[in-house]
Amino acid sequence: MAPPPGDPKTGYYSYELGAWHIIVLNSECKDVGGCEVGAPQEKWLRADLAAHPSACTLAYWHKPLFSSGSAHGNDLTVKPLWQALYDANADVIVNGHDHDYERFAPQTPDGDVKPNSEVRDATAFGVLKLTLKAGAYDWQFIPEAGKSFTDSGSGVCH
């Protein structure tokens, strides 16, 4: 279970969960002094990553850098946060915002969306079940009752 969130004025914090380092970021950039290189959150993120060289790192926040969704699409304001995570070999990034499911292949912060988008579905709401293990992870999309779309798989940490 996650600890209470950090400073409510920032909305970003991290914690350990088994062998994993979990990072929660705030994609409402204008409310936390920006997300650009050198902004407080970006500097905190780089320091946090350096202080926690875990074998497995997962980060999550609301507005995605990459999305094929038609409501919002890509949000380039979070690219410096993605870059910091990429530089530290983060393993999993989970985002929301567009009300659909999309899974990407591992990619750089400059990745093109469509070639790296492996699975997309906007027919079912549901939950993403993540099973975090030492050195690996499993994912499973579980659809709402009456819907049939699913996605599942496994990966290993860097």
N, C-alpha and C. Protein backbone atom coordinates (compact mmCIF):
# COMPACT_ATOMS: atom_id res chain seq x y z
N MET A 1 0.84 -1.17 0.00
CA MET A 1 0.00 0.00 0.00
C MET A 1 0.89 1.25 0.00
N ALA A 2 0.48 2.25 -0.74
CA ALA A 2 1.26 3.48 -0.86
C ALA A 2 1.18 4.30 0.42
N PRO A 3 2.26 4.98 0.75
CA PRO A 3 2.23 5.87 1.91
C PRO A 3 1.42 7.11 1.59
N PRO A 4 1.12 7.94 2.59
CA PRO A 4 0.40 9.18 2.29
C PRO A 4 1.22 10.02 1.31
N PRO A 5 0.54 10.78 0.45
CA PRO A 5 1.27 11.60 -0.51
C PRO A 5 2.17 12.62 0.18
N GLY A 6 3.13 13.10 -0.59
CA GLY A 6 4.05 14.11 -0.07
C GLY A 6 3.36 15.44 0.15
N ASP A 7 4.11 16.49 0.08
CA ASP A 7 3.62 17.84 0.31
C ASP A 7 2.43 18.13 -0.61
N PRO A 8 1.26 18.45 -0.05
CA PRO A 8 0.09 18.70 -0.89
C PRO A 8 0.26 19.90 -1.82
N LYS A 9 1.24 20.75 -1.56
CA LYS A 9 1.48 21.90 -2.45
C LYS A 9 2.20 21.48 -3.73
N THR A 10 2.84 20.30 -3.71
CA THR A 10 3.57 19.87 -4.89
C THR A 10 2.89 18.70 -5.59
N GLY A 11 2.41 17.72 -4.84
CA GLY A 11 1.74 16.57 -5.43
C GLY A 11 2.70 15.59 -6.08
N TYR A 12 3.99 15.67 -5.80
CA TYR A 12 4.92 14.65 -6.30
C TYR A 12 5.72 14.11 -5.13
N TYR A 13 5.99 12.78 -5.20
CA TYR A 13 6.68 12.09 -4.12
C TYR A 13 7.09 10.71 -4.62
N SER A 14 7.80 9.97 -3.80
CA SER A 14 8.18 8.61 -4.18
C SER A 14 8.15 7.72 -2.95
N TYR A 15 8.14 6.41 -3.22
CA TYR A 15 8.16 5.44 -2.13
C TYR A 15 8.68 4.10 -2.67
N GLU A 16 9.02 3.21 -1.76
CA GLU A 16 9.49 1.88 -2.13
C GLU A 16 8.33 0.91 -1.99
N LEU A 17 8.23 -0.01 -2.93
CA LEU A 17 7.20 -1.05 -2.89
C LEU A 17 7.89 -2.36 -3.26
N GLY A 18 8.25 -3.15 -2.26
CA GLY A 18 9.04 -4.35 -2.51
C GLY A 18 10.37 -3.94 -3.13
N ALA A 19 10.71 -4.58 -4.25
CA ALA A 19 11.97 -4.28 -4.94
C ALA A 19 11.85 -3.08 -5.88
N TRP A 20 10.71 -2.46 -5.92
CA TRP A 20 10.44 -1.36 -6.86
C TRP A 20 10.52 0.01 -6.19
N HIS A 21 11.01 0.99 -6.96
CA HIS A 21 10.95 2.39 -6.56
C HIS A 21 9.80 3.01 -7.36
N ILE A 22 8.82 3.57 -6.66
CA ILE A 22 7.61 4.13 -7.27
C ILE A 22 7.68 5.65 -7.17
N ILE A 23 7.44 6.33 -8.30
CA ILE A 23 7.49 7.79 -8.34
C ILE A 23 6.14 8.31 -8.82
N VAL A 24 5.60 9.25 -8.07
CA VAL A 24 4.33 9.89 -8.42
C VAL A 24 4.66 11.33 -8.81
N LEU A 25 4.28 11.72 -10.02
CA LEU A 25 4.58 13.06 -10.51
C LEU A 25 3.30 13.85 -10.73
N ASN A 26 3.45 15.17 -10.81
CA ASN A 26 2.31 16.07 -10.99
C ASN A 26 2.39 16.69 -12.38
N SER A 27 1.49 16.30 -13.27
CA SER A 27 1.50 16.83 -14.63
C SER A 27 0.71 18.13 -14.78
N GLU A 28 0.22 18.66 -13.68
CA GLU A 28 -0.37 20.01 -13.71
C GLU A 28 0.79 20.98 -13.51
N CYS A 29 1.62 21.06 -14.53
CA CYS A 29 2.92 21.72 -14.44
C CYS A 29 2.83 23.16 -13.96
N LYS A 30 1.87 23.92 -14.47
CA LYS A 30 1.78 25.34 -14.10
C LYS A 30 1.51 25.53 -12.61
N ASP A 31 0.93 24.51 -11.98
CA ASP A 31 0.60 24.62 -10.55
C ASP A 31 1.77 24.28 -9.64
N VAL A 32 2.86 23.71 -10.20
CA VAL A 32 3.99 23.29 -9.36
C VAL A 32 5.31 23.90 -9.83
N GLY A 33 5.24 25.04 -10.49
CA GLY A 33 6.45 25.72 -10.90
C GLY A 33 7.04 25.23 -12.20
N GLY A 34 6.24 24.49 -12.99
CA GLY A 34 6.68 24.04 -14.30
C GLY A 34 7.22 22.62 -14.28
N CYS A 35 7.39 22.08 -15.48
CA CYS A 35 7.97 20.75 -15.65
C CYS A 35 9.22 20.80 -16.52
N GLU A 36 9.62 21.98 -16.92
CA GLU A 36 10.77 22.12 -17.80
C GLU A 36 12.07 21.79 -17.06
N VAL A 37 13.14 21.61 -17.82
CA VAL A 37 14.45 21.35 -17.24
C VAL A 37 14.78 22.49 -16.27
N GLY A 38 15.18 22.13 -15.08
CA GLY A 38 15.53 23.12 -14.07
C GLY A 38 14.38 23.53 -13.17
N ALA A 39 13.15 23.14 -13.52
CA ALA A 39 11.99 23.45 -12.66
C ALA A 39 12.10 22.61 -11.38
N PRO A 40 11.46 23.05 -10.30
CA PRO A 40 11.60 22.32 -9.03
C PRO A 40 11.27 20.82 -9.13
N GLN A 41 10.19 20.46 -9.82
CA GLN A 41 9.82 19.05 -9.91
C GLN A 41 10.85 18.25 -10.72
N GLU A 42 11.34 18.80 -11.81
CA GLU A 42 12.33 18.10 -12.63
C GLU A 42 13.62 17.91 -11.85
N LYS A 43 14.05 18.92 -11.11
CA LYS A 43 15.26 18.80 -10.29
C LYS A 43 15.05 17.78 -9.17
N TRP A 44 13.87 17.81 -8.53
CA TRP A 44 13.56 16.84 -7.49
C TRP A 44 13.59 15.43 -8.07
N LEU A 45 12.98 15.24 -9.26
CA LEU A 45 12.94 13.93 -9.89
C LEU A 45 14.34 13.39 -10.15
N ARG A 46 15.20 14.20 -10.71
CA ARG A 46 16.57 13.74 -11.00
C ARG A 46 17.30 13.37 -9.71
N ALA A 47 17.12 14.17 -8.66
CA ALA A 47 17.76 13.86 -7.38
C ALA A 47 17.19 12.58 -6.77
N ASP A 48 15.88 12.41 -6.87
CA ASP A 48 15.23 11.21 -6.34
C ASP A 48 15.71 9.97 -7.08
N LEU A 49 15.80 10.04 -8.40
CA LEU A 49 16.29 8.91 -9.18
C LEU A 49 17.74 8.56 -8.82
N ALA A 50 18.57 9.59 -8.63
CA ALA A 50 19.97 9.35 -8.27
C ALA A 50 20.09 8.72 -6.88
N ALA A 51 19.18 9.10 -5.98
CA ALA A 51 19.21 8.58 -4.61
C ALA A 51 18.61 7.19 -4.48
N HIS A 52 17.89 6.74 -5.51
CA HIS A 52 17.22 5.43 -5.47
C HIS A 52 17.54 4.65 -6.75
N PRO A 53 18.76 4.17 -6.88
CA PRO A 53 19.14 3.43 -8.10
C PRO A 53 18.58 2.00 -8.08
N SER A 54 17.27 1.91 -7.95
CA SER A 54 16.62 0.60 -7.88
C SER A 54 16.76 -0.16 -9.18
N ALA A 55 16.68 -1.47 -9.06
CA ALA A 55 16.70 -2.30 -10.27
C ALA A 55 15.43 -2.07 -11.09
N CYS A 56 14.33 -1.71 -10.43
CA CYS A 56 13.05 -1.52 -11.11
C CYS A 56 12.42 -0.20 -10.66
N THR A 57 12.01 0.62 -11.62
CA THR A 57 11.39 1.91 -11.31
C THR A 57 10.11 2.06 -12.12
N LEU A 58 9.05 2.48 -11.46
CA LEU A 58 7.77 2.78 -12.08
C LEU A 58 7.39 4.20 -11.73
N ALA A 59 6.91 4.96 -12.71
CA ALA A 59 6.43 6.31 -12.46
C ALA A 59 5.02 6.45 -13.01
N TYR A 60 4.21 7.25 -12.33
CA TYR A 60 2.88 7.51 -12.86
C TYR A 60 2.47 8.95 -12.61
N TRP A 61 1.68 9.45 -13.55
CA TRP A 61 1.10 10.79 -13.47
C TRP A 61 -0.07 10.85 -14.44
N HIS A 62 -0.75 11.97 -14.50
CA HIS A 62 -2.00 12.06 -15.25
C HIS A 62 -1.82 12.28 -16.76
N LYS A 63 -1.22 13.38 -17.18
CA LYS A 63 -1.16 13.75 -18.59
C LYS A 63 0.04 13.10 -19.29
N PRO A 64 -0.20 12.29 -20.33
CA PRO A 64 0.88 11.53 -20.96
C PRO A 64 1.67 12.33 -21.99
N LEU A 65 2.95 12.00 -22.10
CA LEU A 65 3.75 12.54 -23.20
C LEU A 65 3.23 11.97 -24.51
N PHE A 66 2.92 10.67 -24.53
CA PHE A 66 2.46 10.00 -25.75
C PHE A 66 1.03 9.51 -25.58
N SER A 67 0.17 9.84 -26.52
CA SER A 67 -1.20 9.33 -26.54
C SER A 67 -1.76 9.47 -27.95
N SER A 68 -2.38 8.41 -28.45
CA SER A 68 -3.07 8.47 -29.73
C SER A 68 -4.53 8.86 -29.54
N GLY A 69 -4.94 9.12 -28.30
CA GLY A 69 -6.32 9.47 -28.02
C GLY A 69 -6.73 10.75 -28.71
N SER A 70 -8.00 10.81 -29.09
CA SER A 70 -8.49 11.97 -29.84
C SER A 70 -8.90 13.14 -28.95
N ALA A 71 -9.11 12.90 -27.67
CA ALA A 71 -9.55 13.98 -26.79
C ALA A 71 -8.41 14.92 -26.42
N HIS A 72 -7.22 14.37 -26.15
CA HIS A 72 -6.11 15.20 -25.69
C HIS A 72 -4.83 15.00 -26.48
N GLY A 73 -4.45 13.77 -26.78
CA GLY A 73 -3.23 13.50 -27.53
C GLY A 73 -1.98 13.71 -26.69
N ASN A 74 -0.87 13.93 -27.38
CA ASN A 74 0.43 14.10 -26.72
C ASN A 74 0.46 15.38 -25.89
N ASP A 75 1.19 15.35 -24.78
CA ASP A 75 1.39 16.54 -23.96
C ASP A 75 2.89 16.75 -23.78
N LEU A 76 3.46 17.62 -24.60
CA LEU A 76 4.91 17.82 -24.61
C LEU A 76 5.45 18.51 -23.36
N THR A 77 4.58 19.10 -22.54
CA THR A 77 5.07 19.78 -21.34
C THR A 77 5.73 18.81 -20.35
N VAL A 78 5.38 17.52 -20.41
CA VAL A 78 5.97 16.55 -19.48
C VAL A 78 7.21 15.86 -20.05
N LYS A 79 7.65 16.26 -21.24
CA LYS A 79 8.81 15.61 -21.86
C LYS A 79 10.07 15.67 -20.99
N PRO A 80 10.38 16.79 -20.30
CA PRO A 80 11.57 16.78 -19.44
C PRO A 80 11.49 15.74 -18.31
N LEU A 81 10.29 15.46 -17.81
CA LEU A 81 10.14 14.44 -16.78
C LEU A 81 10.40 13.06 -17.38
N TRP A 82 9.85 12.83 -18.57
CA TRP A 82 10.09 11.56 -19.27
C TRP A 82 11.59 11.39 -19.54
N GLN A 83 12.25 12.48 -19.95
CA GLN A 83 13.68 12.43 -20.25
C GLN A 83 14.47 12.03 -19.01
N ALA A 84 14.13 12.61 -17.87
CA ALA A 84 14.83 12.26 -16.63
C ALA A 84 14.63 10.77 -16.30
N LEU A 85 13.42 10.27 -16.48
CA LEU A 85 13.15 8.85 -16.23
C LEU A 85 13.89 7.96 -17.22
N TYR A 86 13.92 8.37 -18.47
CA TYR A 86 14.63 7.62 -19.50
C TYR A 86 16.13 7.56 -19.19
N ASP A 87 16.68 8.72 -18.79
CA ASP A 87 18.10 8.79 -18.46
C ASP A 87 18.47 7.85 -17.30
N ALA A 88 17.50 7.61 -16.40
CA ALA A 88 17.75 6.75 -15.24
C ALA A 88 17.27 5.31 -15.47
N ASN A 89 16.91 4.99 -16.70
CA ASN A 89 16.45 3.64 -17.06
C ASN A 89 15.19 3.19 -16.34
N ALA A 90 14.23 4.11 -16.15
CA ALA A 90 12.94 3.72 -15.57
C ALA A 90 12.31 2.65 -16.44
N ASP A 91 11.54 1.77 -15.83
CA ASP A 91 11.01 0.60 -16.53
C ASP A 91 9.57 0.75 -17.00
N VAL A 92 8.72 1.36 -16.20
CA VAL A 92 7.29 1.44 -16.52
C VAL A 92 6.81 2.86 -16.24
N ILE A 93 6.03 3.41 -17.18
CA ILE A 93 5.37 4.70 -16.99
C ILE A 93 3.89 4.48 -17.26
N VAL A 94 3.06 4.92 -16.32
CA VAL A 94 1.61 4.78 -16.44
C VAL A 94 1.00 6.18 -16.42
N ASN A 95 0.15 6.46 -17.41
CA ASN A 95 -0.52 7.76 -17.50
C ASN A 95 -2.01 7.58 -17.73
N GLY A 96 -2.75 8.67 -17.66
CA GLY A 96 -4.19 8.65 -17.90
C GLY A 96 -4.57 9.70 -18.92
N HIS A 97 -5.57 10.49 -18.59
CA HIS A 97 -6.04 11.66 -19.33
C HIS A 97 -6.95 11.33 -20.50
N ASP A 98 -6.46 10.68 -21.56
CA ASP A 98 -7.34 10.26 -22.64
C ASP A 98 -8.09 9.03 -22.16
N HIS A 99 -9.38 9.02 -22.30
CA HIS A 99 -10.19 7.94 -21.74
C HIS A 99 -10.20 6.73 -22.67
N ASP A 100 -9.03 6.11 -22.78
CA ASP A 100 -8.86 4.91 -23.58
C ASP A 100 -7.69 4.12 -23.00
N TYR A 101 -7.46 2.95 -23.56
CA TYR A 101 -6.32 2.13 -23.15
C TYR A 101 -5.33 2.13 -24.30
N GLU A 102 -4.07 2.36 -23.99
CA GLU A 102 -3.03 2.29 -25.00
C GLU A 102 -1.75 1.81 -24.34
N ARG A 103 -1.09 0.86 -25.01
CA ARG A 103 0.18 0.36 -24.51
C ARG A 103 1.24 0.56 -25.59
N PHE A 104 2.36 1.12 -25.16
CA PHE A 104 3.47 1.42 -26.07
C PHE A 104 4.63 0.47 -25.84
N ALA A 105 5.39 0.22 -26.90
CA ALA A 105 6.67 -0.46 -26.78
C ALA A 105 7.63 0.50 -26.06
N PRO A 106 8.68 -0.01 -25.45
CA PRO A 106 9.68 0.90 -24.88
C PRO A 106 10.16 1.87 -25.96
N GLN A 107 10.31 3.13 -25.57
CA GLN A 107 10.68 4.16 -26.53
C GLN A 107 11.44 5.29 -25.86
N THR A 108 12.11 6.07 -26.67
CA THR A 108 12.84 7.23 -26.19
C THR A 108 11.86 8.38 -25.98
N PRO A 109 12.29 9.46 -25.32
CA PRO A 109 11.43 10.62 -25.16
C PRO A 109 11.05 11.28 -26.49
N ASP A 110 11.76 10.99 -27.56
CA ASP A 110 11.44 11.53 -28.88
C ASP A 110 10.65 10.54 -29.73
N GLY A 111 10.22 9.42 -29.15
CA GLY A 111 9.54 8.36 -29.91
C GLY A 111 8.33 8.86 -30.66
N ASP A 112 8.14 8.33 -31.86
CA ASP A 112 6.93 8.63 -32.61
C ASP A 112 5.80 7.79 -32.03
N VAL A 113 4.60 8.35 -31.95
CA VAL A 113 3.51 7.66 -31.26
C VAL A 113 3.05 6.43 -32.03
N LYS A 114 2.60 6.57 -33.22
CA LYS A 114 1.95 5.46 -33.90
C LYS A 114 2.84 4.23 -34.10
N PRO A 115 4.11 4.36 -34.51
CA PRO A 115 4.92 3.15 -34.67
C PRO A 115 5.16 2.41 -33.35
N ASN A 116 5.14 3.10 -32.23
CA ASN A 116 5.42 2.47 -30.94
C ASN A 116 4.17 2.06 -30.19
N SER A 117 3.01 2.45 -30.68
CA SER A 117 1.75 2.09 -30.05
C SER A 117 1.41 0.66 -30.43
N GLU A 118 1.48 -0.24 -29.45
CA GLU A 118 1.27 -1.66 -29.75
C GLU A 118 -0.19 -2.09 -29.64
N VAL A 119 -0.94 -1.50 -28.70
CA VAL A 119 -2.33 -1.87 -28.49
C VAL A 119 -3.11 -0.61 -28.13
N ARG A 120 -4.27 -0.43 -28.78
CA ARG A 120 -5.17 0.69 -28.44
C ARG A 120 -6.59 0.17 -28.40
N ASP A 121 -7.38 0.68 -27.44
CA ASP A 121 -8.79 0.33 -27.38
C ASP A 121 -9.56 1.43 -26.67
N ALA A 122 -10.68 1.82 -27.26
CA ALA A 122 -11.54 2.82 -26.64
C ALA A 122 -12.96 2.28 -26.45
N THR A 123 -13.11 0.95 -26.48
CA THR A 123 -14.44 0.35 -26.36
C THR A 123 -14.80 -0.04 -24.94
N ALA A 124 -13.81 -0.09 -24.04
CA ALA A 124 -14.09 -0.59 -22.69
C ALA A 124 -13.31 0.21 -21.65
N PHE A 125 -13.98 0.55 -20.58
CA PHE A 125 -13.28 1.03 -19.41
C PHE A 125 -12.85 -0.19 -18.62
N GLY A 126 -11.95 -0.01 -17.67
CA GLY A 126 -11.51 -1.14 -16.87
C GLY A 126 -10.40 -0.72 -15.93
N VAL A 127 -9.68 -1.69 -15.42
CA VAL A 127 -8.55 -1.43 -14.53
C VAL A 127 -7.31 -2.12 -15.07
N LEU A 128 -6.17 -1.55 -14.77
CA LEU A 128 -4.89 -2.15 -15.13
C LEU A 128 -4.31 -2.78 -13.87
N LYS A 129 -4.18 -4.08 -13.89
CA LYS A 129 -3.59 -4.81 -12.76
C LYS A 129 -2.11 -4.98 -13.06
N LEU A 130 -1.27 -4.43 -12.20
CA LEU A 130 0.18 -4.58 -12.33
C LEU A 130 0.68 -5.48 -11.20
N THR A 131 1.45 -6.47 -11.55
CA THR A 131 2.08 -7.33 -10.56
C THR A 131 3.57 -7.06 -10.64
N LEU A 132 4.10 -6.43 -9.59
CA LEU A 132 5.51 -6.03 -9.57
C LEU A 132 6.30 -7.08 -8.80
N LYS A 133 7.30 -7.65 -9.47
CA LYS A 133 8.13 -8.70 -8.88
C LYS A 133 9.57 -8.21 -8.83
N ALA A 134 10.43 -8.92 -8.16
CA ALA A 134 11.85 -8.59 -8.16
C ALA A 134 12.37 -8.80 -9.58
N GLY A 135 12.72 -7.72 -10.26
CA GLY A 135 13.31 -7.80 -11.59
C GLY A 135 12.35 -7.94 -12.75
N ALA A 136 11.05 -7.94 -12.49
CA ALA A 136 10.09 -8.15 -13.58
C ALA A 136 8.71 -7.60 -13.19
N TYR A 137 7.80 -7.63 -14.17
CA TYR A 137 6.43 -7.18 -13.92
C TYR A 137 5.49 -7.86 -14.91
N ASP A 138 4.23 -7.97 -14.50
CA ASP A 138 3.15 -8.46 -15.36
C ASP A 138 2.09 -7.37 -15.40
N TRP A 139 1.38 -7.28 -16.52
CA TRP A 139 0.24 -6.37 -16.61
C TRP A 139 -0.95 -7.12 -17.17
N GLN A 140 -2.14 -6.67 -16.74
CA GLN A 140 -3.38 -7.23 -17.25
C GLN A 140 -4.44 -6.14 -17.22
N PHE A 141 -5.03 -5.86 -18.38
CA PHE A 141 -6.17 -4.96 -18.43
C PHE A 141 -7.42 -5.80 -18.20
N ILE A 142 -8.20 -5.43 -17.20
CA ILE A 142 -9.43 -6.14 -16.85
C ILE A 142 -10.59 -5.23 -17.20
N PRO A 143 -11.41 -5.61 -18.20
CA PRO A 143 -12.49 -4.72 -18.65
C PRO A 143 -13.67 -4.71 -17.69
N GLU A 144 -14.48 -3.66 -17.83
CA GLU A 144 -15.72 -3.58 -17.07
C GLU A 144 -16.65 -4.73 -17.48
N ALA A 145 -17.62 -5.01 -16.65
CA ALA A 145 -18.56 -6.10 -16.93
C ALA A 145 -19.22 -5.90 -18.29
N GLY A 146 -19.31 -6.97 -19.05
CA GLY A 146 -19.97 -6.92 -20.34
C GLY A 146 -19.07 -6.56 -21.50
N LYS A 147 -17.83 -6.21 -21.25
CA LYS A 147 -16.89 -5.86 -22.33
C LYS A 147 -15.86 -6.98 -22.48
N SER A 148 -15.30 -7.10 -23.67
CA SER A 148 -14.42 -8.24 -23.92
C SER A 148 -12.95 -7.87 -24.16
N PHE A 149 -12.65 -6.58 -24.35
CA PHE A 149 -11.25 -6.22 -24.62
C PHE A 149 -10.36 -6.56 -23.43
N THR A 150 -9.22 -7.19 -23.69
CA THR A 150 -8.22 -7.44 -22.67
C THR A 150 -6.84 -7.26 -23.27
N ASP A 151 -5.87 -7.10 -22.41
CA ASP A 151 -4.47 -7.04 -22.81
C ASP A 151 -3.66 -7.52 -21.62
N SER A 152 -2.63 -8.27 -21.88
CA SER A 152 -1.78 -8.74 -20.78
C SER A 152 -0.40 -9.07 -21.32
N GLY A 153 0.54 -9.13 -20.41
CA GLY A 153 1.90 -9.48 -20.80
C GLY A 153 2.84 -9.35 -19.63
N SER A 154 4.12 -9.48 -19.93
CA SER A 154 5.17 -9.43 -18.92
C SER A 154 6.35 -8.67 -19.46
N GLY A 155 7.16 -8.14 -18.57
CA GLY A 155 8.40 -7.48 -18.95
C GLY A 155 9.43 -7.67 -17.85
N VAL A 156 10.67 -7.35 -18.19
CA VAL A 156 11.74 -7.42 -17.21
C VAL A 156 12.33 -6.02 -17.04
N CYS A 157 12.90 -5.80 -15.88
CA CYS A 157 13.51 -4.50 -15.59
C CYS A 157 14.88 -4.41 -16.24
N HIS A 158 15.39 -3.21 -16.35
CA HIS A 158 16.72 -2.99 -16.94
C HIS A 158 17.77 -3.63 -16.07
